[in-house]
Amino acid sequence: MPVLSVIALVAGALGVWLTIRQTIWCWPVSLIAVVASIAEFYRERLFGDMALSLIGGKVALRCRGKGCPFARR
């Protein structure tokens, strides 16, 4: 298993666990998981998956306030 995949897997699982525990450290750990995933997708030439990760990141950044389509009202 490539190193980037392992980093993405471990950081993603840790990010979910930190989110459940409601700590602020979930954000940087999850960002590491996303960046590692994008790098791995690019390296493996999985451009569709890479684009979906980038779009998901854009939606997450937009979800800071009223502009979030998934926010509870």
C-alpha atoms as a PDB file:
ATOM      1  CA  MET A   1       0.000   0.000   0.000  1.00  0.00           C
ATOM      2  CA  PRO A   2       1.484   3.395  -0.968  1.00  0.00           C
ATOM      3  CA  VAL A   3       2.555   5.750   1.802  1.00  0.00           C
ATOM      4  CA  LEU A   4       0.111   8.488   0.743  1.00  0.00           C
ATOM      5  CA  SER A   5      -2.792   6.051   0.992  1.00  0.00           C
ATOM      6  CA  VAL A   6      -1.777   5.038   4.497  1.00  0.00           C
ATOM      7  CA  ILE A   7      -1.424   8.683   5.552  1.00  0.00           C
ATOM      8  CA  ALA A   8      -4.847   9.506   4.097  1.00  0.00           C
ATOM      9  CA  LEU A   9      -6.468   6.487   5.767  1.00  0.00           C
ATOM     10  CA  VAL A  10      -4.963   7.086   9.213  1.00  0.00           C
ATOM     11  CA  ALA A  11      -5.512  10.852   9.129  1.00  0.00           C
ATOM     12  CA  GLY A  12      -9.087  10.400   7.902  1.00  0.00           C
ATOM     13  CA  ALA A  13      -9.964   7.917  10.628  1.00  0.00           C
ATOM     14  CA  LEU A  14      -8.274  10.095  13.245  1.00  0.00           C
ATOM     15  CA  GLY A  15     -10.123  13.138  11.889  1.00  0.00           C
ATOM     16  CA  VAL A  16     -13.472  11.390  12.276  1.00  0.00           C
ATOM     17  CA  TRP A  17     -12.602  10.293  15.819  1.00  0.00           C
ATOM     18  CA  LEU A  18     -11.537  13.841  16.734  1.00  0.00           C
ATOM     19  CA  THR A  19     -14.753  15.215  15.238  1.00  0.00           C
ATOM     20  CA  ILE A  20     -16.811  12.842  17.355  1.00  0.00           C
ATOM     21  CA  ARG A  21     -14.863  13.986  20.425  1.00  0.00           C
ATOM     22  CA  GLN A  22     -15.545  17.600  19.306  1.00  0.00           C
ATOM     23  CA  THR A  23     -11.976  18.862  19.437  1.00  0.00           C
ATOM     24  CA  ILE A  24     -10.552  21.640  17.293  1.00  0.00           C
ATOM     25  CA  TRP A  25      -7.762  19.315  16.131  1.00  0.00           C
ATOM     26  CA  CYS A  26     -10.189  17.594  13.762  1.00  0.00           C
ATOM     27  CA  TRP A  27      -9.710  20.401  11.211  1.00  0.00           C
ATOM     28  CA  PRO A  28      -5.936  20.194  10.617  1.00  0.00           C
ATOM     29  CA  VAL A  29      -5.929  16.389  10.781  1.00  0.00           C
ATOM     30  CA  SER A  30      -8.774  16.159   8.268  1.00  0.00           C
ATOM     31  CA  LEU A  31      -7.007  18.671   6.022  1.00  0.00           C
ATOM     32  CA  ILE A  32      -3.941  16.411   6.007  1.00  0.00           C
ATOM     33  CA  ALA A  33      -6.191  13.505   4.984  1.00  0.00           C
ATOM     34  CA  VAL A  34      -7.721  15.479   2.117  1.00  0.00           C
ATOM     35  CA  VAL A  35      -4.361  16.746   0.815  1.00  0.00           C
ATOM     36  CA  ALA A  36      -2.869  13.236   0.985  1.00  0.00           C
ATOM     37  CA  SER A  37      -5.907  11.842  -0.851  1.00  0.00           C
ATOM     38  CA  ILE A  38      -5.679  14.464  -3.595  1.00  0.00           C
ATOM     39  CA  ALA A  39      -1.951  13.810  -4.017  1.00  0.00           C
ATOM     40  CA  GLU A  40      -2.556  10.054  -4.196  1.00  0.00           C
ATOM     41  CA  PHE A  41      -5.369  10.476  -6.731  1.00  0.00           C
ATOM     42  CA  TYR A  42      -3.114  12.664  -8.887  1.00  0.00           C
ATOM     43  CA  ARG A  43      -0.230  10.201  -8.650  1.00  0.00           C
ATOM     44  CA  GLU A  44      -2.488   7.329  -9.710  1.00  0.00           C
ATOM     45  CA  ARG A  45      -4.084   9.449 -12.469  1.00  0.00           C
ATOM     46  CA  LEU A  46      -7.554   9.258 -10.901  1.00  0.00           C
ATOM     47  CA  PHE A  47      -8.525  12.737 -12.013  1.00  0.00           C
ATOM     48  CA  GLY A  48     -12.271  12.257 -11.460  1.00  0.00           C
ATOM     49  CA  ASP A  49     -11.752  11.324  -7.823  1.00  0.00           C
ATOM     50  CA  MET A  50      -9.308  14.207  -7.419  1.00  0.00           C
ATOM     51  CA  ALA A  51     -11.898  16.635  -8.811  1.00  0.00           C
ATOM     52  CA  LEU A  52     -14.562  15.320  -6.421  1.00  0.00           C
ATOM     53  CA  SER A  53     -12.199  15.856  -3.474  1.00  0.00           C
ATOM     54  CA  LEU A  54     -11.522  19.421  -4.590  1.00  0.00           C
ATOM     55  CA  ILE A  55     -15.240  20.154  -5.036  1.00  0.00           C
ATOM     56  CA  GLY A  56     -15.966  18.672  -1.600  1.00  0.00           C
ATOM     57  CA  GLY A  57     -13.301  20.922  -0.086  1.00  0.00           C
ATOM     58  CA  LYS A  58     -14.808  23.952  -1.774  1.00  0.00           C
ATOM     59  CA  VAL A  59     -18.252  23.106  -0.358  1.00  0.00           C
ATOM     60  CA  ALA A  60     -16.767  22.578   3.113  1.00  0.00           C
ATOM     61  CA  LEU A  61     -15.073  25.982   3.012  1.00  0.00           C
ATOM     62  CA  ARG A  62     -18.325  27.604   1.899  1.00  0.00           C
ATOM     63  CA  CYS A  63     -20.216  25.946   4.774  1.00  0.00           C
ATOM     64  CA  ARG A  64     -18.982  28.399   7.364  1.00  0.00           C
ATOM     65  CA  GLY A  65     -22.215  30.297   7.653  1.00  0.00           C
ATOM     66  CA  LYS A  66     -25.444  30.983   5.855  1.00  0.00           C
ATOM     67  CA  GLY A  67     -24.134  29.818   2.477  1.00  0.00           C
ATOM     68  CA  CYS A  68     -24.076  26.147   3.450  1.00  0.00           C
ATOM     69  CA  PRO A  69     -26.620  24.075   1.557  1.00  0.00           C
ATOM     70  CA  PHE A  70     -26.430  21.346   4.220  1.00  0.00           C
ATOM     71  CA  ALA A  71     -26.857  23.502   7.339  1.00  0.00           C
ATOM     72  CA  ARG A  72     -29.778  22.878   9.626  1.00  0.00           C
ATOM     73  CA  ARG A  73     -32.198  25.742   9.707  1.00  0.00           C
END
